[in-house]
Amino acid sequence: MFSKFLNLDKDKQERIINAAIKEFAQKGYDNASTNEIVKEAGISKGLLFHYFGNKKQLYLFLFDYCTELITDEYYKKVDFKETDFFKRIRLAVMVKMEMLGTHPDIFKFVQEVFLEDSQEIKAEFDKKKQELTHINMGKFYEGIDYSKFRDDVDLKKIIKIITWTFEKMSDEILNQAKSTPNHELDYQPIVDETEEYFEVLKTCFYK
C-alpha cells in the first residue's frame, strides 16, 4: 500500500516521517494538520496524499513504523538468555528508559496513540494495540524459569496477577498523562514504583 513512499530515498522518507511524528505527537490525531506536516517536510500536500492516500493511512503507517522500530531495537537489547522473571523485567525497564532518551519523539508519538480517543480511528487502533500487547507479552514470557515460583500456588494465576498488576499500572500512568499539560510524564518515579512492585510480587510468589 505504501510502496510509492518506500521507494523514495531514505533522507526524504525520514524527513516526512519525522515531520508527521512531530505533528501528531504534539497535537493528537484530530488536531494535527497535514498542512503543517508538508510544510515541515518540504513537500506538497498532493505528494503526501499520493504516498499515503489520506491522513488516517498516514497515521496507520506511522504507528506500524514506530512500533516496529521500537520492538526490533528492544528485542536486540533485552537479554532473553536471562531466565529469571523479575531480572528480565528490570532489564526491559532499563532498555525502555535508554530508548526514551534516544527516540523521544517516537515514544511520545506512541504514547499519544495509546491516549488517543478520536472516534475516526479509536476502534481500529484499540484492536491494533491489543494485538501488539498480546504478541509482546507472549514473546516476553518465552524461556522464563518458572521453577522459581511457589509450588503451592497455581502458576497461571500467579502470571495473571502479575500481568494485571502491571496492566493496571499502565492504565494509571496513561490516565495521569491525560491530566498533565502536553501529556508529559516523569518516568523515573514510575521506574521507582515499578521496582517496589517487583519486590512485593517476588516476595509473594517466589520460593
N, C-alpha and C. Protein backbone atom coordinates (compact mmCIF):
# COMPACT_ATOMS: atom_id res chain seq x y z
N MET A 1 0.82 -1.21 0.00
CA MET A 1 0.00 0.00 0.00
C MET A 1 0.86 1.27 0.00
N PHE A 2 2.02 1.20 0.67
CA PHE A 2 2.87 2.38 0.79
C PHE A 2 4.13 2.26 -0.07
N SER A 3 4.06 1.48 -1.14
CA SER A 3 5.24 1.20 -1.97
C SER A 3 5.83 2.47 -2.58
N LYS A 4 4.97 3.43 -2.96
CA LYS A 4 5.47 4.67 -3.57
C LYS A 4 6.33 5.44 -2.57
N PHE A 5 5.88 5.46 -1.33
CA PHE A 5 6.66 6.15 -0.30
C PHE A 5 7.95 5.41 -0.01
N LEU A 6 7.88 4.09 0.07
CA LEU A 6 9.05 3.29 0.43
C LEU A 6 10.10 3.25 -0.67
N ASN A 7 9.72 3.67 -1.87
CA ASN A 7 10.68 3.75 -2.98
C ASN A 7 11.44 5.07 -2.99
N LEU A 8 11.05 6.01 -2.12
CA LEU A 8 11.78 7.27 -2.02
C LEU A 8 13.15 7.04 -1.39
N ASP A 9 14.07 7.99 -1.59
CA ASP A 9 15.36 7.87 -0.92
C ASP A 9 15.16 8.05 0.58
N LYS A 10 16.05 7.47 1.35
CA LYS A 10 15.90 7.40 2.80
C LYS A 10 15.81 8.78 3.46
N ASP A 11 16.58 9.74 2.95
CA ASP A 11 16.57 11.07 3.56
C ASP A 11 15.18 11.70 3.44
N LYS A 12 14.55 11.55 2.28
CA LYS A 12 13.22 12.14 2.08
C LYS A 12 12.19 11.39 2.93
N GLN A 13 12.31 10.07 3.02
CA GLN A 13 11.41 9.29 3.87
C GLN A 13 11.49 9.79 5.32
N GLU A 14 12.71 9.92 5.81
CA GLU A 14 12.90 10.33 7.21
C GLU A 14 12.38 11.74 7.46
N ARG A 15 12.53 12.61 6.48
CA ARG A 15 12.05 13.97 6.64
C ARG A 15 10.52 14.00 6.78
N ILE A 16 9.84 13.21 5.97
CA ILE A 16 8.38 13.14 6.03
C ILE A 16 7.92 12.47 7.32
N ILE A 17 8.56 11.36 7.66
CA ILE A 17 8.21 10.62 8.88
C ILE A 17 8.40 11.50 10.12
N ASN A 18 9.54 12.17 10.21
CA ASN A 18 9.83 12.99 11.38
C ASN A 18 8.85 14.16 11.50
N ALA A 19 8.50 14.75 10.37
CA ALA A 19 7.55 15.87 10.39
C ALA A 19 6.18 15.40 10.85
N ALA A 20 5.76 14.24 10.36
CA ALA A 20 4.44 13.71 10.73
C ALA A 20 4.41 13.27 12.19
N ILE A 21 5.45 12.58 12.65
CA ILE A 21 5.52 12.16 14.06
C ILE A 21 5.44 13.37 14.98
N LYS A 22 6.19 14.40 14.67
CA LYS A 22 6.21 15.62 15.48
C LYS A 22 4.82 16.25 15.57
N GLU A 23 4.13 16.36 14.43
CA GLU A 23 2.82 17.00 14.40
C GLU A 23 1.78 16.18 15.17
N PHE A 24 1.73 14.87 14.92
CA PHE A 24 0.75 14.03 15.61
C PHE A 24 1.05 13.94 17.11
N ALA A 25 2.33 13.85 17.47
CA ALA A 25 2.70 13.73 18.89
C ALA A 25 2.32 14.99 19.66
N GLN A 26 2.45 16.14 19.02
CA GLN A 26 2.17 17.40 19.71
C GLN A 26 0.68 17.73 19.77
N LYS A 27 -0.07 17.32 18.73
CA LYS A 27 -1.45 17.80 18.62
C LYS A 27 -2.52 16.71 18.65
N GLY A 28 -2.10 15.43 18.59
CA GLY A 28 -3.10 14.37 18.52
C GLY A 28 -3.65 14.24 17.11
N TYR A 29 -4.45 13.19 16.91
CA TYR A 29 -4.91 12.88 15.55
C TYR A 29 -5.83 13.97 14.99
N ASP A 30 -6.88 14.32 15.72
CA ASP A 30 -7.88 15.25 15.18
C ASP A 30 -7.31 16.63 14.89
N ASN A 31 -6.43 17.11 15.77
CA ASN A 31 -5.93 18.48 15.64
C ASN A 31 -4.67 18.59 14.79
N ALA A 32 -4.05 17.47 14.46
CA ALA A 32 -2.85 17.51 13.61
C ALA A 32 -3.21 18.02 12.22
N SER A 33 -2.32 18.82 11.66
CA SER A 33 -2.56 19.44 10.36
C SER A 33 -1.61 18.86 9.30
N THR A 34 -2.19 18.33 8.24
CA THR A 34 -1.35 17.85 7.14
C THR A 34 -0.64 19.03 6.47
N ASN A 35 -1.22 20.22 6.56
CA ASN A 35 -0.55 21.40 6.01
C ASN A 35 0.76 21.66 6.73
N GLU A 36 0.74 21.50 8.07
CA GLU A 36 1.96 21.70 8.85
C GLU A 36 2.98 20.60 8.56
N ILE A 37 2.49 19.38 8.35
CA ILE A 37 3.39 18.25 8.04
C ILE A 37 4.14 18.50 6.75
N VAL A 38 3.41 18.89 5.69
CA VAL A 38 4.07 19.08 4.38
C VAL A 38 4.99 20.30 4.42
N LYS A 39 4.60 21.31 5.21
CA LYS A 39 5.47 22.49 5.35
C LYS A 39 6.78 22.11 6.00
N GLU A 40 6.69 21.32 7.08
CA GLU A 40 7.89 20.89 7.81
C GLU A 40 8.74 19.95 6.96
N ALA A 41 8.08 19.09 6.18
CA ALA A 41 8.79 18.10 5.37
C ALA A 41 9.32 18.67 4.06
N GLY A 42 8.80 19.81 3.66
CA GLY A 42 9.25 20.42 2.41
C GLY A 42 8.71 19.74 1.17
N ILE A 43 7.47 19.25 1.24
CA ILE A 43 6.84 18.62 0.08
C ILE A 43 5.45 19.23 -0.11
N SER A 44 4.81 18.89 -1.23
CA SER A 44 3.46 19.38 -1.46
C SER A 44 2.44 18.47 -0.79
N LYS A 45 1.26 19.02 -0.53
CA LYS A 45 0.19 18.22 0.07
C LYS A 45 -0.25 17.11 -0.88
N GLY A 46 -0.24 17.42 -2.17
CA GLY A 46 -0.60 16.42 -3.16
C GLY A 46 0.32 15.21 -3.12
N LEU A 47 1.61 15.46 -2.92
CA LEU A 47 2.57 14.36 -2.82
C LEU A 47 2.33 13.52 -1.58
N LEU A 48 2.03 14.19 -0.46
CA LEU A 48 1.78 13.45 0.78
C LEU A 48 0.64 12.47 0.59
N PHE A 49 -0.44 12.92 -0.02
CA PHE A 49 -1.60 12.04 -0.24
C PHE A 49 -1.34 11.05 -1.37
N HIS A 50 -0.44 11.38 -2.26
CA HIS A 50 -0.02 10.43 -3.29
C HIS A 50 0.68 9.23 -2.63
N TYR A 51 1.46 9.51 -1.58
CA TYR A 51 2.18 8.45 -0.89
C TYR A 51 1.29 7.66 0.06
N PHE A 52 0.35 8.35 0.73
CA PHE A 52 -0.39 7.70 1.82
C PHE A 52 -1.91 7.64 1.63
N GLY A 53 -2.44 8.34 0.68
CA GLY A 53 -3.88 8.29 0.44
C GLY A 53 -4.66 9.30 1.25
N ASN A 54 -4.52 9.27 2.57
CA ASN A 54 -5.23 10.20 3.44
C ASN A 54 -4.54 10.26 4.80
N LYS A 55 -5.06 11.12 5.65
CA LYS A 55 -4.49 11.34 6.98
C LYS A 55 -4.50 10.07 7.82
N LYS A 56 -5.60 9.33 7.76
CA LYS A 56 -5.73 8.11 8.56
C LYS A 56 -4.69 7.08 8.14
N GLN A 57 -4.48 6.90 6.87
CA GLN A 57 -3.49 5.92 6.39
C GLN A 57 -2.08 6.34 6.77
N LEU A 58 -1.82 7.63 6.77
CA LEU A 58 -0.52 8.13 7.23
C LEU A 58 -0.32 7.78 8.70
N TYR A 59 -1.35 7.96 9.50
CA TYR A 59 -1.29 7.66 10.93
C TYR A 59 -1.07 6.18 11.17
N LEU A 60 -1.77 5.34 10.41
CA LEU A 60 -1.59 3.90 10.50
C LEU A 60 -0.16 3.51 10.16
N PHE A 61 0.36 4.10 9.10
CA PHE A 61 1.74 3.81 8.70
C PHE A 61 2.71 4.18 9.81
N LEU A 62 2.54 5.37 10.38
CA LEU A 62 3.45 5.84 11.43
C LEU A 62 3.41 4.94 12.65
N PHE A 63 2.22 4.50 13.04
CA PHE A 63 2.11 3.62 14.20
C PHE A 63 2.86 2.32 13.95
N ASP A 64 2.65 1.71 12.79
CA ASP A 64 3.34 0.46 12.46
C ASP A 64 4.85 0.68 12.38
N TYR A 65 5.25 1.79 11.78
CA TYR A 65 6.67 2.11 11.64
C TYR A 65 7.33 2.27 13.01
N CYS A 66 6.69 3.05 13.88
CA CYS A 66 7.27 3.33 15.19
C CYS A 66 7.31 2.09 16.09
N THR A 67 6.22 1.34 16.12
CA THR A 67 6.19 0.16 16.98
C THR A 67 7.17 -0.91 16.48
N GLU A 68 7.32 -1.01 15.17
CA GLU A 68 8.29 -1.98 14.64
C GLU A 68 9.70 -1.58 14.98
N LEU A 69 10.01 -0.29 14.85
CA LEU A 69 11.35 0.20 15.19
C LEU A 69 11.66 -0.04 16.67
N ILE A 70 10.70 0.30 17.53
CA ILE A 70 10.89 0.15 18.97
C ILE A 70 11.05 -1.32 19.35
N THR A 71 10.17 -2.19 18.86
CA THR A 71 10.23 -3.60 19.24
C THR A 71 11.48 -4.27 18.70
N ASP A 72 11.88 -3.92 17.47
CA ASP A 72 13.10 -4.51 16.91
C ASP A 72 14.32 -4.15 17.76
N GLU A 73 14.43 -2.88 18.11
CA GLU A 73 15.57 -2.45 18.92
C GLU A 73 15.48 -3.02 20.33
N TYR A 74 14.27 -3.08 20.87
CA TYR A 74 14.05 -3.62 22.20
C TYR A 74 14.50 -5.07 22.28
N TYR A 75 14.09 -5.89 21.30
CA TYR A 75 14.44 -7.32 21.32
C TYR A 75 15.93 -7.54 21.10
N LYS A 76 16.58 -6.62 20.44
CA LYS A 76 18.02 -6.73 20.26
C LYS A 76 18.77 -6.44 21.55
N LYS A 77 18.19 -5.58 22.39
CA LYS A 77 18.90 -5.13 23.59
C LYS A 77 18.55 -5.91 24.84
N VAL A 78 17.34 -6.48 24.90
CA VAL A 78 16.96 -7.26 26.08
C VAL A 78 17.59 -8.65 25.99
N ASP A 79 18.22 -9.06 27.06
CA ASP A 79 18.90 -10.37 27.08
C ASP A 79 17.88 -11.45 27.41
N PHE A 80 17.42 -12.16 26.38
CA PHE A 80 16.43 -13.21 26.60
C PHE A 80 17.06 -14.51 27.10
N LYS A 81 18.39 -14.49 27.29
CA LYS A 81 19.04 -15.62 27.94
C LYS A 81 18.84 -15.54 29.46
N GLU A 82 18.45 -14.35 29.94
CA GLU A 82 18.12 -14.18 31.36
C GLU A 82 16.76 -14.82 31.61
N THR A 83 16.76 -15.90 32.41
CA THR A 83 15.53 -16.67 32.61
C THR A 83 14.77 -16.28 33.87
N ASP A 84 15.40 -15.48 34.75
CA ASP A 84 14.72 -15.03 35.95
C ASP A 84 13.68 -13.98 35.56
N PHE A 85 12.44 -14.22 35.94
CA PHE A 85 11.33 -13.38 35.52
C PHE A 85 11.54 -11.91 35.89
N PHE A 86 11.86 -11.64 37.14
CA PHE A 86 11.95 -10.25 37.60
C PHE A 86 13.23 -9.57 37.12
N LYS A 87 14.30 -10.33 36.96
CA LYS A 87 15.51 -9.74 36.39
C LYS A 87 15.28 -9.33 34.94
N ARG A 88 14.51 -10.15 34.23
CA ARG A 88 14.22 -9.81 32.83
C ARG A 88 13.36 -8.55 32.75
N ILE A 89 12.39 -8.43 33.66
CA ILE A 89 11.56 -7.22 33.67
C ILE A 89 12.43 -6.00 33.95
N ARG A 90 13.35 -6.12 34.91
CA ARG A 90 14.23 -5.00 35.23
C ARG A 90 15.05 -4.58 34.00
N LEU A 91 15.58 -5.57 33.30
CA LEU A 91 16.34 -5.29 32.08
C LEU A 91 15.46 -4.58 31.06
N ALA A 92 14.23 -5.04 30.93
CA ALA A 92 13.31 -4.45 29.96
C ALA A 92 13.03 -2.98 30.30
N VAL A 93 12.86 -2.70 31.58
CA VAL A 93 12.61 -1.32 32.01
C VAL A 93 13.81 -0.44 31.72
N MET A 94 15.02 -0.93 31.99
CA MET A 94 16.23 -0.16 31.72
C MET A 94 16.41 0.11 30.23
N VAL A 95 16.10 -0.89 29.41
CA VAL A 95 16.20 -0.70 27.97
C VAL A 95 15.20 0.36 27.50
N LYS A 96 14.00 0.30 28.04
CA LYS A 96 12.99 1.29 27.67
C LYS A 96 13.44 2.70 28.06
N MET A 97 14.00 2.85 29.26
CA MET A 97 14.47 4.16 29.70
C MET A 97 15.58 4.67 28.78
N GLU A 98 16.46 3.78 28.36
CA GLU A 98 17.53 4.16 27.43
C GLU A 98 16.95 4.62 26.09
N MET A 99 15.96 3.88 25.61
CA MET A 99 15.36 4.20 24.32
C MET A 99 14.54 5.49 24.38
N LEU A 100 13.98 5.81 25.54
CA LEU A 100 13.28 7.08 25.70
C LEU A 100 14.23 8.25 25.46
N GLY A 101 15.50 8.04 25.81
CA GLY A 101 16.49 9.08 25.59
C GLY A 101 16.93 9.19 24.15
N THR A 102 16.97 8.06 23.44
CA THR A 102 17.45 8.07 22.06
C THR A 102 16.33 8.31 21.04
N HIS A 103 15.08 7.97 21.40
CA HIS A 103 13.95 8.14 20.48
C HIS A 103 12.79 8.86 21.16
N PRO A 104 13.02 10.05 21.71
CA PRO A 104 11.94 10.70 22.48
C PRO A 104 10.70 11.01 21.65
N ASP A 105 10.86 11.46 20.42
CA ASP A 105 9.70 11.81 19.60
C ASP A 105 8.87 10.59 19.24
N ILE A 106 9.55 9.48 18.97
CA ILE A 106 8.84 8.24 18.62
C ILE A 106 8.06 7.73 19.82
N PHE A 107 8.68 7.75 21.00
CA PHE A 107 7.97 7.29 22.20
C PHE A 107 6.81 8.23 22.53
N LYS A 108 7.01 9.51 22.32
CA LYS A 108 5.93 10.47 22.56
C LYS A 108 4.76 10.20 21.62
N PHE A 109 5.06 9.91 20.37
CA PHE A 109 4.00 9.61 19.40
C PHE A 109 3.23 8.34 19.81
N VAL A 110 3.96 7.28 20.16
CA VAL A 110 3.31 6.03 20.54
C VAL A 110 2.48 6.24 21.81
N GLN A 111 3.00 7.01 22.75
CA GLN A 111 2.24 7.32 23.95
C GLN A 111 0.93 8.01 23.58
N GLU A 112 1.00 8.96 22.66
CA GLU A 112 -0.20 9.69 22.25
C GLU A 112 -1.21 8.77 21.56
N VAL A 113 -0.72 7.78 20.82
CA VAL A 113 -1.62 6.81 20.20
C VAL A 113 -2.42 6.08 21.28
N PHE A 114 -1.76 5.68 22.35
CA PHE A 114 -2.43 4.96 23.43
C PHE A 114 -3.39 5.86 24.21
N LEU A 115 -3.21 7.18 24.11
CA LEU A 115 -4.11 8.11 24.77
C LEU A 115 -5.21 8.61 23.83
N GLU A 116 -5.09 8.29 22.55
CA GLU A 116 -5.97 8.85 21.54
C GLU A 116 -7.41 8.37 21.69
N ASP A 117 -8.35 9.30 21.60
CA ASP A 117 -9.76 8.91 21.68
C ASP A 117 -10.58 9.43 20.49
N SER A 118 -9.89 9.77 19.40
CA SER A 118 -10.59 10.20 18.20
C SER A 118 -11.50 9.09 17.69
N GLN A 119 -12.75 9.41 17.46
CA GLN A 119 -13.73 8.40 17.02
C GLN A 119 -13.41 7.87 15.62
N GLU A 120 -12.69 8.67 14.84
CA GLU A 120 -12.37 8.24 13.48
C GLU A 120 -11.44 7.02 13.47
N ILE A 121 -10.62 6.90 14.48
CA ILE A 121 -9.61 5.83 14.47
C ILE A 121 -9.66 4.94 15.70
N LYS A 122 -10.47 5.28 16.71
CA LYS A 122 -10.41 4.60 18.00
C LYS A 122 -10.60 3.09 17.91
N ALA A 123 -11.66 2.63 17.23
CA ALA A 123 -11.94 1.19 17.17
C ALA A 123 -10.80 0.43 16.51
N GLU A 124 -10.31 0.96 15.41
CA GLU A 124 -9.23 0.29 14.68
C GLU A 124 -7.95 0.24 15.50
N PHE A 125 -7.64 1.34 16.17
CA PHE A 125 -6.40 1.37 16.93
C PHE A 125 -6.50 0.62 18.24
N ASP A 126 -7.67 0.55 18.85
CA ASP A 126 -7.84 -0.28 20.04
C ASP A 126 -7.51 -1.73 19.71
N LYS A 127 -7.96 -2.19 18.55
CA LYS A 127 -7.67 -3.55 18.12
C LYS A 127 -6.19 -3.75 17.88
N LYS A 128 -5.55 -2.79 17.19
CA LYS A 128 -4.12 -2.90 16.90
C LYS A 128 -3.31 -2.90 18.20
N LYS A 129 -3.70 -2.08 19.16
CA LYS A 129 -2.97 -2.01 20.43
C LYS A 129 -3.10 -3.30 21.22
N GLN A 130 -4.28 -3.89 21.21
CA GLN A 130 -4.50 -5.17 21.89
C GLN A 130 -3.66 -6.27 21.26
N GLU A 131 -3.63 -6.31 19.95
CA GLU A 131 -2.84 -7.31 19.24
C GLU A 131 -1.36 -7.14 19.54
N LEU A 132 -0.90 -5.91 19.55
CA LEU A 132 0.51 -5.63 19.83
C LEU A 132 0.88 -6.07 21.25
N THR A 133 0.03 -5.75 22.21
CA THR A 133 0.28 -6.13 23.60
C THR A 133 0.32 -7.65 23.74
N HIS A 134 -0.62 -8.33 23.11
CA HIS A 134 -0.68 -9.80 23.18
C HIS A 134 0.58 -10.44 22.61
N ILE A 135 1.03 -9.95 21.47
CA ILE A 135 2.23 -10.50 20.83
C ILE A 135 3.46 -10.28 21.70
N ASN A 136 3.61 -9.06 22.22
CA ASN A 136 4.80 -8.73 23.00
C ASN A 136 4.82 -9.44 24.35
N MET A 137 3.65 -9.61 24.97
CA MET A 137 3.61 -10.33 26.24
C MET A 137 3.98 -11.79 26.02
N GLY A 138 3.50 -12.39 24.93
CA GLY A 138 3.86 -13.78 24.63
C GLY A 138 5.35 -13.94 24.44
N LYS A 139 5.96 -13.00 23.71
CA LYS A 139 7.40 -13.04 23.47
C LYS A 139 8.18 -12.86 24.77
N PHE A 140 7.68 -11.96 25.62
CA PHE A 140 8.41 -11.65 26.85
C PHE A 140 8.51 -12.86 27.77
N TYR A 141 7.47 -13.69 27.81
CA TYR A 141 7.45 -14.83 28.73
C TYR A 141 8.22 -16.04 28.22
N GLU A 142 8.71 -15.98 26.99
CA GLU A 142 9.43 -17.14 26.44
C GLU A 142 10.71 -17.41 27.23
N GLY A 143 10.93 -18.67 27.60
CA GLY A 143 12.18 -19.08 28.23
C GLY A 143 12.31 -18.75 29.70
N ILE A 144 11.25 -18.28 30.32
CA ILE A 144 11.30 -17.94 31.75
C ILE A 144 11.42 -19.22 32.58
N ASP A 145 12.23 -19.16 33.63
CA ASP A 145 12.41 -20.28 34.55
C ASP A 145 11.28 -20.24 35.59
N TYR A 146 10.22 -20.99 35.32
CA TYR A 146 9.06 -20.97 36.21
C TYR A 146 9.27 -21.80 37.47
N SER A 147 10.39 -22.55 37.55
CA SER A 147 10.65 -23.36 38.74
C SER A 147 10.92 -22.50 39.97
N LYS A 148 11.21 -21.22 39.76
CA LYS A 148 11.47 -20.32 40.89
C LYS A 148 10.19 -19.89 41.60
N PHE A 149 9.06 -20.10 40.94
CA PHE A 149 7.79 -19.70 41.54
C PHE A 149 7.31 -20.76 42.54
N ARG A 150 6.50 -20.33 43.48
CA ARG A 150 5.98 -21.24 44.51
C ARG A 150 5.18 -22.38 43.88
N ASP A 151 5.32 -23.56 44.49
CA ASP A 151 4.60 -24.74 44.01
C ASP A 151 3.18 -24.82 44.55
N ASP A 152 2.90 -24.10 45.64
CA ASP A 152 1.61 -24.23 46.29
C ASP A 152 0.57 -23.22 45.78
N VAL A 153 0.94 -22.47 44.73
CA VAL A 153 0.01 -21.53 44.10
C VAL A 153 -0.01 -21.81 42.61
N ASP A 154 -1.20 -21.80 42.02
CA ASP A 154 -1.35 -22.08 40.60
C ASP A 154 -0.53 -21.08 39.78
N LEU A 155 0.39 -21.58 38.95
CA LEU A 155 1.29 -20.72 38.18
C LEU A 155 0.53 -19.79 37.25
N LYS A 156 -0.54 -20.32 36.63
CA LYS A 156 -1.31 -19.48 35.71
C LYS A 156 -1.91 -18.29 36.43
N LYS A 157 -2.36 -18.52 37.67
CA LYS A 157 -2.94 -17.43 38.45
C LYS A 157 -1.86 -16.42 38.86
N ILE A 158 -0.67 -16.92 39.18
CA ILE A 158 0.44 -16.02 39.51
C ILE A 158 0.74 -15.09 38.34
N ILE A 159 0.86 -15.67 37.16
CA ILE A 159 1.18 -14.87 35.97
C ILE A 159 0.07 -13.87 35.69
N LYS A 160 -1.18 -14.29 35.87
CA LYS A 160 -2.30 -13.36 35.67
C LYS A 160 -2.24 -12.19 36.65
N ILE A 161 -1.97 -12.50 37.92
CA ILE A 161 -1.89 -11.45 38.93
C ILE A 161 -0.78 -10.45 38.59
N ILE A 162 0.37 -10.98 38.20
CA ILE A 162 1.50 -10.10 37.84
C ILE A 162 1.14 -9.27 36.61
N THR A 163 0.57 -9.91 35.61
CA THR A 163 0.19 -9.21 34.38
C THR A 163 -0.84 -8.13 34.67
N TRP A 164 -1.86 -8.48 35.46
CA TRP A 164 -2.91 -7.50 35.80
C TRP A 164 -2.33 -6.33 36.58
N THR A 165 -1.37 -6.61 37.46
CA THR A 165 -0.75 -5.54 38.25
C THR A 165 -0.12 -4.49 37.35
N PHE A 166 0.67 -4.96 36.38
CA PHE A 166 1.37 -4.01 35.52
C PHE A 166 0.45 -3.40 34.45
N GLU A 167 -0.59 -4.12 34.07
CA GLU A 167 -1.59 -3.53 33.18
C GLU A 167 -2.31 -2.37 33.88
N LYS A 168 -2.65 -2.60 35.16
CA LYS A 168 -3.31 -1.55 35.94
C LYS A 168 -2.38 -0.35 36.12
N MET A 169 -1.11 -0.62 36.38
CA MET A 169 -0.14 0.47 36.49
C MET A 169 -0.08 1.27 35.20
N SER A 170 -0.07 0.57 34.06
CA SER A 170 -0.04 1.24 32.76
C SER A 170 -1.27 2.11 32.57
N ASP A 171 -2.43 1.59 32.96
CA ASP A 171 -3.67 2.37 32.85
C ASP A 171 -3.59 3.64 33.69
N GLU A 172 -3.07 3.51 34.91
CA GLU A 172 -2.96 4.66 35.80
C GLU A 172 -1.98 5.70 35.24
N ILE A 173 -0.89 5.21 34.65
CA ILE A 173 0.10 6.11 34.06
C ILE A 173 -0.51 6.88 32.89
N LEU A 174 -1.28 6.18 32.06
CA LEU A 174 -1.93 6.83 30.93
C LEU A 174 -2.96 7.85 31.39
N ASN A 175 -3.72 7.51 32.43
CA ASN A 175 -4.69 8.46 32.97
C ASN A 175 -3.99 9.68 33.57
N GLN A 176 -2.86 9.43 34.20
CA GLN A 176 -2.06 10.53 34.74
C GLN A 176 -1.57 11.43 33.62
N ALA A 177 -1.12 10.82 32.53
CA ALA A 177 -0.62 11.59 31.40
C ALA A 177 -1.72 12.47 30.80
N LYS A 178 -2.95 11.94 30.75
CA LYS A 178 -4.06 12.70 30.19
C LYS A 178 -4.34 13.98 30.97
N SER A 179 -4.04 13.95 32.26
CA SER A 179 -4.36 15.10 33.12
C SER A 179 -3.24 16.12 33.22
N THR A 180 -2.12 15.88 32.55
CA THR A 180 -0.99 16.79 32.62
C THR A 180 -0.87 17.61 31.34
N PRO A 181 -0.32 18.82 31.40
CA PRO A 181 -0.13 19.62 30.19
C PRO A 181 0.76 18.89 29.18
N ASN A 182 0.31 18.86 27.96
CA ASN A 182 1.06 18.21 26.86
C ASN A 182 1.32 16.73 27.11
N HIS A 183 0.58 16.15 28.07
CA HIS A 183 0.71 14.71 28.38
C HIS A 183 2.14 14.33 28.74
N GLU A 184 2.83 15.22 29.45
CA GLU A 184 4.21 14.95 29.85
C GLU A 184 4.24 14.01 31.05
N LEU A 185 5.23 13.11 31.05
CA LEU A 185 5.40 12.17 32.16
C LEU A 185 6.84 12.20 32.66
N ASP A 186 6.99 12.09 33.97
CA ASP A 186 8.31 11.91 34.58
C ASP A 186 8.48 10.41 34.80
N TYR A 187 9.35 9.79 34.02
CA TYR A 187 9.43 8.33 34.03
C TYR A 187 10.21 7.77 35.21
N GLN A 188 11.11 8.54 35.82
CA GLN A 188 11.91 7.98 36.90
C GLN A 188 11.07 7.55 38.09
N PRO A 189 10.08 8.35 38.56
CA PRO A 189 9.21 7.87 39.64
C PRO A 189 8.44 6.61 39.26
N ILE A 190 8.10 6.50 37.98
CA ILE A 190 7.40 5.30 37.51
C ILE A 190 8.30 4.08 37.63
N VAL A 191 9.57 4.24 37.25
CA VAL A 191 10.54 3.15 37.37
C VAL A 191 10.72 2.78 38.84
N ASP A 192 10.81 3.78 39.71
CA ASP A 192 10.99 3.52 41.14
C ASP A 192 9.80 2.75 41.72
N GLU A 193 8.58 3.16 41.32
CA GLU A 193 7.39 2.47 41.81
C GLU A 193 7.32 1.05 41.28
N THR A 194 7.71 0.88 40.02
CA THR A 194 7.74 -0.46 39.43
C THR A 194 8.67 -1.38 40.19
N GLU A 195 9.82 -0.85 40.59
CA GLU A 195 10.79 -1.62 41.36
C GLU A 195 10.19 -2.07 42.70
N GLU A 196 9.40 -1.22 43.32
CA GLU A 196 8.76 -1.58 44.58
C GLU A 196 7.78 -2.73 44.38
N TYR A 197 7.04 -2.70 43.27
CA TYR A 197 6.11 -3.79 42.98
C TYR A 197 6.87 -5.08 42.68
N PHE A 198 8.03 -4.97 42.02
CA PHE A 198 8.84 -6.17 41.78
C PHE A 198 9.12 -6.88 43.09
N GLU A 199 9.55 -6.12 44.09
CA GLU A 199 9.94 -6.71 45.37
C GLU A 199 8.75 -7.35 46.08
N VAL A 200 7.60 -6.68 46.03
CA VAL A 200 6.40 -7.24 46.67
C VAL A 200 5.98 -8.54 45.98
N LEU A 201 5.93 -8.52 44.66
CA LEU A 201 5.49 -9.70 43.91
C LEU A 201 6.49 -10.85 44.04
N LYS A 202 7.76 -10.50 44.06
CA LYS A 202 8.79 -11.53 44.23
C LYS A 202 8.67 -12.19 45.60
N THR A 203 8.43 -11.39 46.62
CA THR A 203 8.27 -11.92 47.97
C THR A 203 7.04 -12.83 48.05
N CYS A 204 5.98 -12.44 47.36
CA CYS A 204 4.74 -13.20 47.40
C CYS A 204 4.82 -14.53 46.64
N PHE A 205 5.50 -14.52 45.51
CA PHE A 205 5.35 -15.65 44.59
C PHE A 205 6.61 -16.47 44.32
N TYR A 206 7.77 -15.99 44.75
CA TYR A 206 8.97 -16.81 44.61
C TYR A 206 9.14 -17.69 45.84
N LYS A 207 9.82 -18.80 45.64
CA LYS A 207 10.08 -19.73 46.74
C LYS A 207 11.04 -19.08 47.75
